[in-house]
Amino acid sequence: MSNRREFSNPYPDYHGEKLLDDAGKMDEAFAEKVRCSIQDLMTRLQGGIRQTIKKDDYSIYTGQTGFALLFLQLYEKFGHAEERQHFLETAAVYLKPALKHLKSGVHSFLCGDAGVLAVAAVVHAKLGDSKTSKECVERLESLQEHVCKDRKMPNEHLYGRAGYLAAVMFVQKHLGADSIKKEVIVSVTKAILYSGKTLSQKEKWQHPLMYSWYDQYYLGAAHGLAGIFYTLLLVKEPEVRPHIESLVQPCIDFMLSLRFPSGNYPAVVGDSDDRLVHWCHGAPGWVAMFALAYQTYKKKEYLDAAEECGNVVWKRGLLKKGYGLCHGAAGNAYAFLTLFHLTHDKKYLYRACKFAEWCFDYGKHGCRIPDTPFSMFEGMAGTIYFLVDLLDPMSARFPCFEY
């Protein structure tokens, strides 16, 4: 097919290779290759940032807060004590201008103010600056009223309410469940459920929740239903949990019905184009939703669907778009890590390692160069983030999305 968006996978599948040591960490021989690749890419990244950084982009997705998030990851998982402290201080350097230029209009994690405030709250807490951290948390919580009341705000992950929920969950993950007022989570969750019920009833869908973005029914993790349903299932507050579980399950069944014969899923309801195998659109971004649905409802069809998506990613996930998180090999590799956590089948860890090997040869495959080639979600920073995560695969989670 001349319009294929992926390279043929050159790797044999798993045949029992040793992957982990007795402590559950990556086997040392492979881990050393990962560390060497991280060091090489970090050298290239630090040279490239100075040449290409957009001074007015402070987002996680393509801007300066994305670099802060990478350095927070390095602080937590890479290097010796002195290096790690330097990583944390570097994260604060990237956050300083971002905190001065909040957009006061975009309130999601990846592309808006919530991302800047959430990452800053965590970084400053770890630096011992509890005053600044608390101020950032309070500013993050103060966005909740606008997030709930703005009828024009979408519900999706990249720009919408699900993205705001992901930001407060990020703070909870790092600073504890009590670091965010529970009423913030409850009110935003209710707003997402109300919006979904209203549209579903208006458009006469057979399942209870429906969401649109730019007047289309997007389905993927970034803009669509997979990301929204996954985020809703993460919410544990007793006040809304029963409503979430009863409303989301029929929606997951609807999602199952959209499967292409290949095992992939469309980007938009009614779309017949079976070419996108990205975290943002297609099977990779559906794995987390199906995996969490299986853990929630214990329905084997959801486990089967998650594993079918994983097989699609293995066959078609080495993308010509590059090595990044949103639409690249690193982001797709997280689908395997999610399946490894769910099933404990080392086949999936092996597949993640093979996608990492592909990333070792960053830039040598003839991939398209992203618009922001060093950024967190389009470029090299996200690839480094993934490689660092792989050193401790049991704790690895897709950044800003999985918890």
Protein backbone atom coordinates (compact mmCIF):
# COMPACT_ATOMS: atom_id res chain seq x y z
CA MET A 1 0.00 0.00 0.00
CA SER A 2 1.74 3.18 -1.19
CA ASN A 3 0.07 5.40 1.40
CA ARG A 4 1.13 3.31 4.39
CA ARG A 5 1.99 5.45 7.39
CA GLU A 6 4.24 2.90 9.08
CA PHE A 7 7.40 0.94 8.43
CA SER A 8 7.30 -2.85 8.33
CA ASN A 9 8.21 -4.24 11.74
CA PRO A 10 11.64 -5.87 11.30
CA TYR A 11 11.71 -7.61 14.68
CA PRO A 12 10.85 -11.25 15.50
CA ASP A 13 8.28 -11.64 18.27
CA TYR A 14 9.05 -12.84 21.80
CA HIS A 15 10.68 -16.25 22.28
CA GLY A 16 11.48 -16.28 26.00
CA GLU A 17 14.36 -13.81 26.10
CA LYS A 18 15.46 -12.63 29.58
CA LEU A 19 14.13 -9.14 30.19
CA LEU A 20 14.09 -8.50 33.94
CA ASP A 21 16.44 -9.04 36.85
CA ASP A 22 15.36 -10.56 40.17
CA ALA A 23 14.25 -7.15 41.46
CA GLY A 24 11.88 -6.61 38.53
CA LYS A 25 14.08 -3.98 36.91
CA MET A 26 15.29 -4.11 33.32
CA ASP A 27 18.06 -6.65 32.66
CA GLU A 28 21.36 -4.82 33.10
CA ALA A 29 22.78 -5.51 29.64
CA PHE A 30 19.74 -3.96 27.96
CA ALA A 31 19.44 -1.24 30.61
CA GLU A 32 22.95 -0.08 29.79
CA LYS A 33 21.96 0.30 26.13
CA VAL A 34 18.95 2.33 27.21
CA ARG A 35 21.08 4.59 29.41
CA CYS A 36 23.57 5.16 26.58
CA SER A 37 20.73 6.12 24.26
CA ILE A 38 19.32 8.50 26.88
CA GLN A 39 22.69 10.20 27.27
CA ASP A 40 23.11 10.53 23.50
CA LEU A 41 19.62 11.93 22.98
CA MET A 42 19.97 14.32 25.93
CA THR A 43 23.11 15.78 24.36
CA ARG A 44 21.24 16.32 21.11
CA LEU A 45 18.18 17.68 22.90
CA GLN A 46 20.05 20.26 24.92
CA GLY A 47 21.71 21.58 21.79
CA GLY A 48 18.47 21.58 19.85
CA ILE A 49 16.30 23.29 22.45
CA ARG A 50 18.32 26.49 22.30
CA GLN A 51 17.90 26.66 18.51
CA THR A 52 14.22 25.78 18.18
CA ILE A 53 12.33 26.57 21.39
CA LYS A 54 9.30 28.81 20.86
CA LYS A 55 9.49 31.54 23.46
CA ASP A 56 5.72 31.98 23.57
CA ASP A 57 4.83 28.28 23.88
CA TYR A 58 4.65 27.28 27.54
CA SER A 59 2.56 24.12 27.14
CA ILE A 60 3.49 20.56 28.02
CA TYR A 61 2.58 19.39 24.54
CA THR A 62 5.14 21.36 22.52
CA GLY A 63 6.48 24.03 24.86
CA GLN A 64 8.68 24.80 27.84
CA THR A 65 6.62 23.00 30.47
CA GLY A 66 7.17 19.81 28.49
CA PHE A 67 10.90 20.19 29.08
CA ALA A 68 10.19 20.78 32.78
CA LEU A 69 8.22 17.54 32.83
CA LEU A 70 11.12 15.67 31.23
CA PHE A 71 13.58 17.00 33.79
CA LEU A 72 11.17 16.04 36.58
CA GLN A 73 11.17 12.51 35.14
CA LEU A 74 14.96 12.48 35.04
CA TYR A 75 15.07 13.71 38.63
CA GLU A 76 12.83 10.87 39.77
CA LYS A 77 14.32 8.00 37.79
CA PHE A 78 17.77 8.70 36.35
CA GLY A 79 21.30 9.50 37.42
CA HIS A 80 23.13 9.97 40.72
CA ALA A 81 22.10 12.32 43.53
CA GLU A 82 23.97 15.42 42.33
CA GLU A 83 22.69 14.99 38.76
CA ARG A 84 19.16 14.51 40.00
CA GLN A 85 19.18 17.73 41.98
CA HIS A 86 20.42 19.55 38.89
CA PHE A 87 17.57 18.03 36.87
CA LEU A 88 15.02 19.31 39.38
CA GLU A 89 16.51 22.81 39.38
CA THR A 90 16.50 22.79 35.57
CA ALA A 91 12.80 21.91 35.61
CA ALA A 92 12.17 24.99 37.75
CA VAL A 93 14.09 27.16 35.27
CA TYR A 94 11.75 26.13 32.44
CA LEU A 95 8.71 26.71 34.63
CA LYS A 96 9.63 30.24 35.71
CA PRO A 97 8.62 32.02 32.47
CA ALA A 98 5.68 29.65 32.00
CA LEU A 99 4.15 30.69 35.32
CA LYS A 100 4.36 34.33 34.23
CA HIS A 101 2.54 33.74 30.95
CA LEU A 102 -0.55 31.70 31.74
CA LYS A 103 -3.08 31.87 28.93
CA SER A 104 -6.16 32.31 31.14
CA GLY A 105 -8.39 30.56 28.64
CA VAL A 106 -7.04 27.08 27.96
CA HIS A 107 -7.35 24.95 31.09
CA SER A 108 -6.25 21.46 30.07
CA PHE A 109 -3.13 19.55 31.10
CA LEU A 110 -1.25 19.19 27.83
CA CYS A 111 -2.04 22.50 26.15
CA GLY A 112 -3.10 24.90 28.88
CA ASP A 113 -2.61 26.56 32.23
CA ALA A 114 -3.49 23.45 34.24
CA GLY A 115 -0.39 21.71 32.95
CA VAL A 116 1.93 24.54 33.92
CA LEU A 117 0.42 24.83 37.40
CA ALA A 118 0.35 21.06 38.04
CA VAL A 119 3.97 20.48 37.05
CA ALA A 120 5.09 23.59 38.93
CA ALA A 121 3.26 22.46 42.07
CA VAL A 122 5.12 19.16 42.03
CA VAL A 123 8.54 20.55 41.13
CA HIS A 124 8.45 23.24 43.82
CA ALA A 125 7.22 20.76 46.42
CA LYS A 126 10.19 18.51 45.67
CA LEU A 127 12.52 21.53 45.85
CA GLY A 128 11.20 22.20 49.35
CA ASP A 129 9.39 25.39 48.34
CA SER A 130 6.03 24.55 49.89
CA LYS A 131 4.76 28.14 49.62
CA THR A 132 5.07 28.27 45.81
CA SER A 133 3.77 24.73 45.50
CA LYS A 134 0.67 25.56 47.54
CA GLU A 135 0.06 28.71 45.49
CA CYS A 136 0.20 26.65 42.28
CA VAL A 137 -2.25 24.09 43.66
CA GLU A 138 -4.66 26.85 44.71
CA ARG A 139 -4.44 28.47 41.27
CA LEU A 140 -5.01 25.08 39.65
CA GLU A 141 -8.08 24.45 41.81
CA SER A 142 -9.40 27.95 41.06
CA LEU A 143 -9.70 27.02 37.37
CA GLN A 144 -12.39 24.49 38.28
CA GLU A 145 -15.25 27.00 38.20
CA HIS A 146 -14.48 28.04 34.63
CA VAL A 147 -13.92 24.40 33.57
CA CYS A 148 -17.37 23.48 34.86
CA LYS A 149 -19.35 26.52 33.73
CA ASP A 150 -17.90 27.30 30.30
CA ARG A 151 -20.41 25.64 27.95
CA LYS A 152 -18.03 26.03 25.03
CA MET A 153 -15.26 24.05 26.71
CA PRO A 154 -14.86 20.60 25.14
CA ASN A 155 -14.57 17.45 27.23
CA GLU A 156 -11.64 15.81 25.47
CA HIS A 157 -8.15 15.33 26.82
CA LEU A 158 -5.99 17.69 24.77
CA TYR A 159 -7.98 20.90 25.32
CA GLY A 160 -10.91 19.95 27.51
CA ARG A 161 -12.28 18.88 30.88
CA ALA A 162 -10.74 15.40 30.81
CA GLY A 163 -7.39 17.11 30.42
CA TYR A 164 -8.06 19.28 33.45
CA LEU A 165 -8.96 16.18 35.48
CA ALA A 166 -5.70 14.58 34.37
CA ALA A 167 -3.80 17.60 35.70
CA VAL A 168 -5.29 17.37 39.18
CA MET A 169 -4.69 13.60 39.19
CA PHE A 170 -1.04 14.30 38.36
CA VAL A 171 -0.77 16.46 41.47
CA GLN A 172 -2.47 13.76 43.56
CA LYS A 173 -0.07 11.12 42.23
CA HIS A 174 2.98 13.11 43.31
CA LEU A 175 1.74 14.99 46.38
CA GLY A 176 -0.95 12.70 47.76
CA ALA A 177 -4.71 12.29 47.42
CA ASP A 178 -5.38 15.08 49.91
CA SER A 179 -3.36 17.62 47.91
CA ILE A 180 -6.45 18.39 45.80
CA LYS A 181 -9.88 19.19 47.23
CA LYS A 182 -12.21 16.32 46.40
CA GLU A 183 -15.00 18.75 45.44
CA VAL A 184 -12.84 19.92 42.53
CA ILE A 185 -12.74 16.41 41.11
CA VAL A 186 -16.39 15.74 41.85
CA SER A 187 -17.66 18.95 40.24
CA VAL A 188 -15.61 18.53 37.06
CA THR A 189 -16.61 14.88 36.79
CA LYS A 190 -20.27 15.84 37.12
CA ALA A 191 -19.81 18.47 34.40
CA ILE A 192 -18.32 15.86 32.04
CA LEU A 193 -21.14 13.39 32.76
CA TYR A 194 -23.82 16.06 32.35
CA SER A 195 -22.36 17.20 29.04
CA GLY A 196 -22.17 13.64 27.76
CA LYS A 197 -25.72 12.79 28.79
CA THR A 198 -27.08 15.99 27.27
CA LEU A 199 -25.50 15.39 23.87
CA SER A 200 -26.42 11.71 23.82
CA GLN A 201 -30.07 12.50 24.51
CA LYS A 202 -30.14 15.37 22.03
CA GLU A 203 -28.64 13.28 19.24
CA LYS A 204 -30.58 10.12 20.27
CA TRP A 205 -27.59 7.83 20.72
CA GLN A 206 -28.30 4.37 22.15
CA HIS A 207 -25.55 4.67 24.79
CA PRO A 208 -25.81 7.21 27.64
CA LEU A 209 -22.75 9.43 27.05
CA MET A 210 -21.59 11.11 23.85
CA TYR A 211 -19.06 13.84 23.14
CA SER A 212 -18.03 15.84 20.10
CA TRP A 213 -15.13 18.06 19.15
CA TYR A 214 -15.47 20.54 16.28
CA ASP A 215 -18.84 18.97 15.46
CA GLN A 216 -17.39 15.49 14.91
CA TYR A 217 -17.58 12.44 17.13
CA TYR A 218 -13.89 11.83 17.74
CA LEU A 219 -12.96 8.49 19.27
CA GLY A 220 -9.28 8.48 20.18
CA ALA A 221 -7.30 9.24 23.31
CA ALA A 222 -6.37 12.85 22.54
CA HIS A 223 -9.61 14.34 21.23
CA GLY A 224 -12.23 11.69 21.72
CA LEU A 225 -14.19 9.13 23.64
CA ALA A 226 -11.35 6.74 24.50
CA GLY A 227 -9.53 9.45 26.44
CA ILE A 228 -12.69 10.73 28.13
CA PHE A 229 -13.97 7.30 29.21
CA TYR A 230 -10.54 6.26 30.45
CA THR A 231 -10.21 9.42 32.54
CA LEU A 232 -13.70 9.02 33.98
CA LEU A 233 -12.90 5.46 35.06
CA LEU A 234 -9.87 6.78 36.96
CA VAL A 235 -12.12 8.86 39.24
CA LYS A 236 -12.66 7.03 42.56
CA GLU A 237 -14.70 9.58 44.54
CA PRO A 238 -17.65 7.69 46.10
CA GLU A 239 -20.06 10.52 45.30
CA VAL A 240 -19.71 9.97 41.55
CA ARG A 241 -18.14 6.52 41.18
CA PRO A 242 -21.41 4.52 40.90
CA HIS A 243 -22.70 6.92 38.23
CA ILE A 244 -19.47 6.63 36.26
CA GLU A 245 -19.52 2.84 36.30
CA SER A 246 -23.16 2.56 35.23
CA LEU A 247 -22.89 5.18 32.49
CA VAL A 248 -19.51 4.24 31.02
CA GLN A 249 -19.93 0.48 30.54
CA PRO A 250 -22.55 0.68 27.75
CA CYS A 251 -20.33 3.28 26.10
CA ILE A 252 -17.37 0.88 26.15
CA ASP A 253 -19.61 -1.73 24.51
CA PHE A 254 -20.42 0.83 21.81
CA MET A 255 -16.69 1.42 21.31
CA LEU A 256 -16.17 -2.33 20.86
CA SER A 257 -18.68 -2.33 18.02
CA LEU A 258 -16.54 0.09 15.98
CA ARG A 259 -13.60 -2.28 15.51
CA PHE A 260 -12.12 -2.58 12.01
CA PRO A 261 -11.46 -6.13 10.70
CA SER A 262 -7.75 -5.41 11.23
CA GLY A 263 -8.29 -4.89 14.98
CA ASN A 264 -7.70 -1.14 14.71
CA TYR A 265 -10.32 1.52 15.46
CA PRO A 266 -11.40 4.67 13.57
CA ALA A 267 -10.50 8.21 14.51
CA VAL A 268 -14.08 9.48 14.08
CA VAL A 269 -17.48 7.76 14.14
CA GLY A 270 -18.30 6.65 10.59
CA ASP A 271 -14.72 6.90 9.35
CA SER A 272 -13.61 4.00 7.12
CA ASP A 273 -9.94 5.04 7.00
CA ASP A 274 -7.92 2.30 8.72
CA ARG A 275 -4.51 3.98 8.54
CA LEU A 276 -3.98 5.78 11.85
CA VAL A 277 -2.15 3.78 14.53
CA HIS A 278 -1.24 6.59 16.93
CA TRP A 279 -1.81 7.32 20.60
CA CYS A 280 -3.91 10.30 19.52
CA HIS A 281 -6.00 8.41 16.94
CA GLY A 282 -6.27 4.64 16.66
CA ALA A 283 -5.51 1.45 18.58
CA PRO A 284 -2.59 2.62 20.78
CA GLY A 285 -4.74 5.15 22.63
CA TRP A 286 -7.58 2.66 23.11
CA VAL A 287 -5.46 0.13 25.02
CA ALA A 288 -5.57 2.06 28.31
CA MET A 289 -9.35 2.45 28.07
CA PHE A 290 -9.99 -1.24 27.39
CA ALA A 291 -7.46 -2.30 30.05
CA LEU A 292 -9.07 -0.15 32.75
CA ALA A 293 -12.55 -1.22 31.62
CA TYR A 294 -11.48 -4.85 32.05
CA GLN A 295 -10.14 -4.13 35.53
CA THR A 296 -13.38 -2.33 36.41
CA TYR A 297 -16.01 -4.65 34.93
CA LYS A 298 -14.12 -7.98 34.63
CA LYS A 299 -15.56 -8.52 31.15
CA LYS A 300 -13.23 -10.66 29.04
CA GLU A 301 -14.21 -8.91 25.82
CA TYR A 302 -12.42 -5.81 27.07
CA LEU A 303 -9.22 -7.74 27.78
CA ASP A 304 -9.43 -9.34 24.33
CA ALA A 305 -9.94 -5.93 22.73
CA ALA A 306 -6.94 -4.47 24.56
CA GLU A 307 -4.74 -7.34 23.39
CA GLU A 308 -6.03 -7.08 19.82
CA CYS A 309 -5.09 -3.40 19.87
CA GLY A 310 -1.65 -4.42 21.10
CA ASN A 311 -1.25 -6.75 18.15
CA VAL A 312 -2.16 -3.92 15.77
CA VAL A 313 0.49 -1.72 17.40
CA TRP A 314 3.11 -4.46 17.10
CA LYS A 315 2.39 -4.88 13.38
CA ARG A 316 1.87 -1.25 12.43
CA GLY A 317 3.22 0.96 15.21
CA LEU A 318 6.66 1.95 13.90
CA LEU A 319 5.46 5.18 12.38
CA LYS A 320 6.86 7.28 9.57
CA LYS A 321 5.76 10.31 11.60
CA GLY A 322 8.64 9.67 13.98
CA TYR A 323 9.57 8.63 17.49
CA GLY A 324 7.41 10.84 19.69
CA LEU A 325 4.55 10.29 22.13
CA CYS A 326 1.46 11.60 20.38
CA HIS A 327 2.09 9.96 17.03
CA GLY A 328 5.33 8.03 17.17
CA ALA A 329 7.09 4.85 18.24
CA ALA A 330 7.62 5.92 21.87
CA GLY A 331 3.95 6.70 22.45
CA ASN A 332 2.92 3.46 20.80
CA ALA A 333 5.32 1.48 23.00
CA TYR A 334 3.36 2.55 26.07
CA ALA A 335 0.48 0.39 24.81
CA PHE A 336 2.72 -2.63 25.38
CA LEU A 337 3.69 -1.47 28.86
CA THR A 338 0.01 -1.06 29.76
CA LEU A 339 -0.65 -4.61 28.59
CA PHE A 340 2.37 -5.87 30.51
CA HIS A 341 1.00 -4.31 33.71
CA LEU A 342 -2.40 -5.84 33.02
CA THR A 343 -1.39 -9.37 32.00
CA HIS A 344 2.19 -9.80 33.30
CA ASP A 345 2.91 -11.42 29.94
CA LYS A 346 6.57 -10.69 29.15
CA LYS A 347 5.73 -10.69 25.45
CA TYR A 348 4.47 -7.15 25.89
CA LEU A 349 7.56 -5.97 27.73
CA TYR A 350 9.67 -7.50 24.96
CA ARG A 351 7.67 -5.58 22.36
CA ALA A 352 8.20 -2.32 24.26
CA CYS A 353 11.93 -3.07 24.31
CA LYS A 354 11.99 -3.62 20.56
CA PHE A 355 10.27 -0.28 19.99
CA ALA A 356 12.93 1.21 22.29
CA GLU A 357 15.62 -0.34 20.07
CA TRP A 358 13.98 1.42 17.13
CA CYS A 359 14.30 4.68 19.10
CA PHE A 360 18.01 3.97 19.72
CA ASP A 361 18.46 4.73 16.00
CA TYR A 362 16.61 8.05 16.32
CA GLY A 363 16.66 9.91 13.01
CA LYS A 364 18.08 7.08 10.92
CA HIS A 365 14.89 5.63 9.45
CA GLY A 366 13.83 8.52 7.22
CA CYS A 367 10.92 9.63 9.40
CA ARG A 368 9.22 12.97 8.95
CA ILE A 369 10.69 15.73 11.13
CA PRO A 370 8.01 17.12 13.48
CA ASP A 371 7.11 20.80 13.57
CA THR A 372 8.57 20.95 17.09
CA PRO A 373 11.33 18.32 16.83
CA PHE A 374 12.55 18.46 20.44
CA SER A 375 9.21 18.82 22.22
CA MET A 376 7.57 16.48 24.72
CA PHE A 377 4.64 15.20 22.67
CA GLU A 378 5.89 15.60 19.10
CA GLY A 379 9.61 15.14 19.42
CA MET A 380 12.74 13.98 21.19
CA ALA A 381 11.87 14.94 24.78
CA GLY A 382 8.99 12.46 24.78
CA THR A 383 11.21 9.70 23.42
CA ILE A 384 13.72 10.30 26.21
CA TYR A 385 10.88 10.27 28.75
CA PHE A 386 9.80 6.84 27.48
CA LEU A 387 13.33 5.42 27.58
CA VAL A 388 13.77 6.59 31.17
CA ASP A 389 10.44 4.96 32.07
CA LEU A 390 11.53 1.69 30.50
CA LEU A 391 14.38 1.33 33.00
CA ASP A 392 11.71 0.60 35.63
CA PRO A 393 8.92 -0.85 33.49
CA MET A 394 6.50 -1.67 36.30
CA SER A 395 6.21 2.02 37.19
CA ALA A 396 6.05 3.25 33.58
CA ARG A 397 2.90 5.18 32.63
CA PHE A 398 2.03 7.25 29.56
CA PRO A 399 2.78 10.80 30.72
CA CYS A 400 -0.10 13.11 31.62
CA PHE A 401 -2.63 10.37 30.84
CA GLU A 402 -2.16 7.08 32.71
CA TYR A 403 -2.12 6.83 36.52
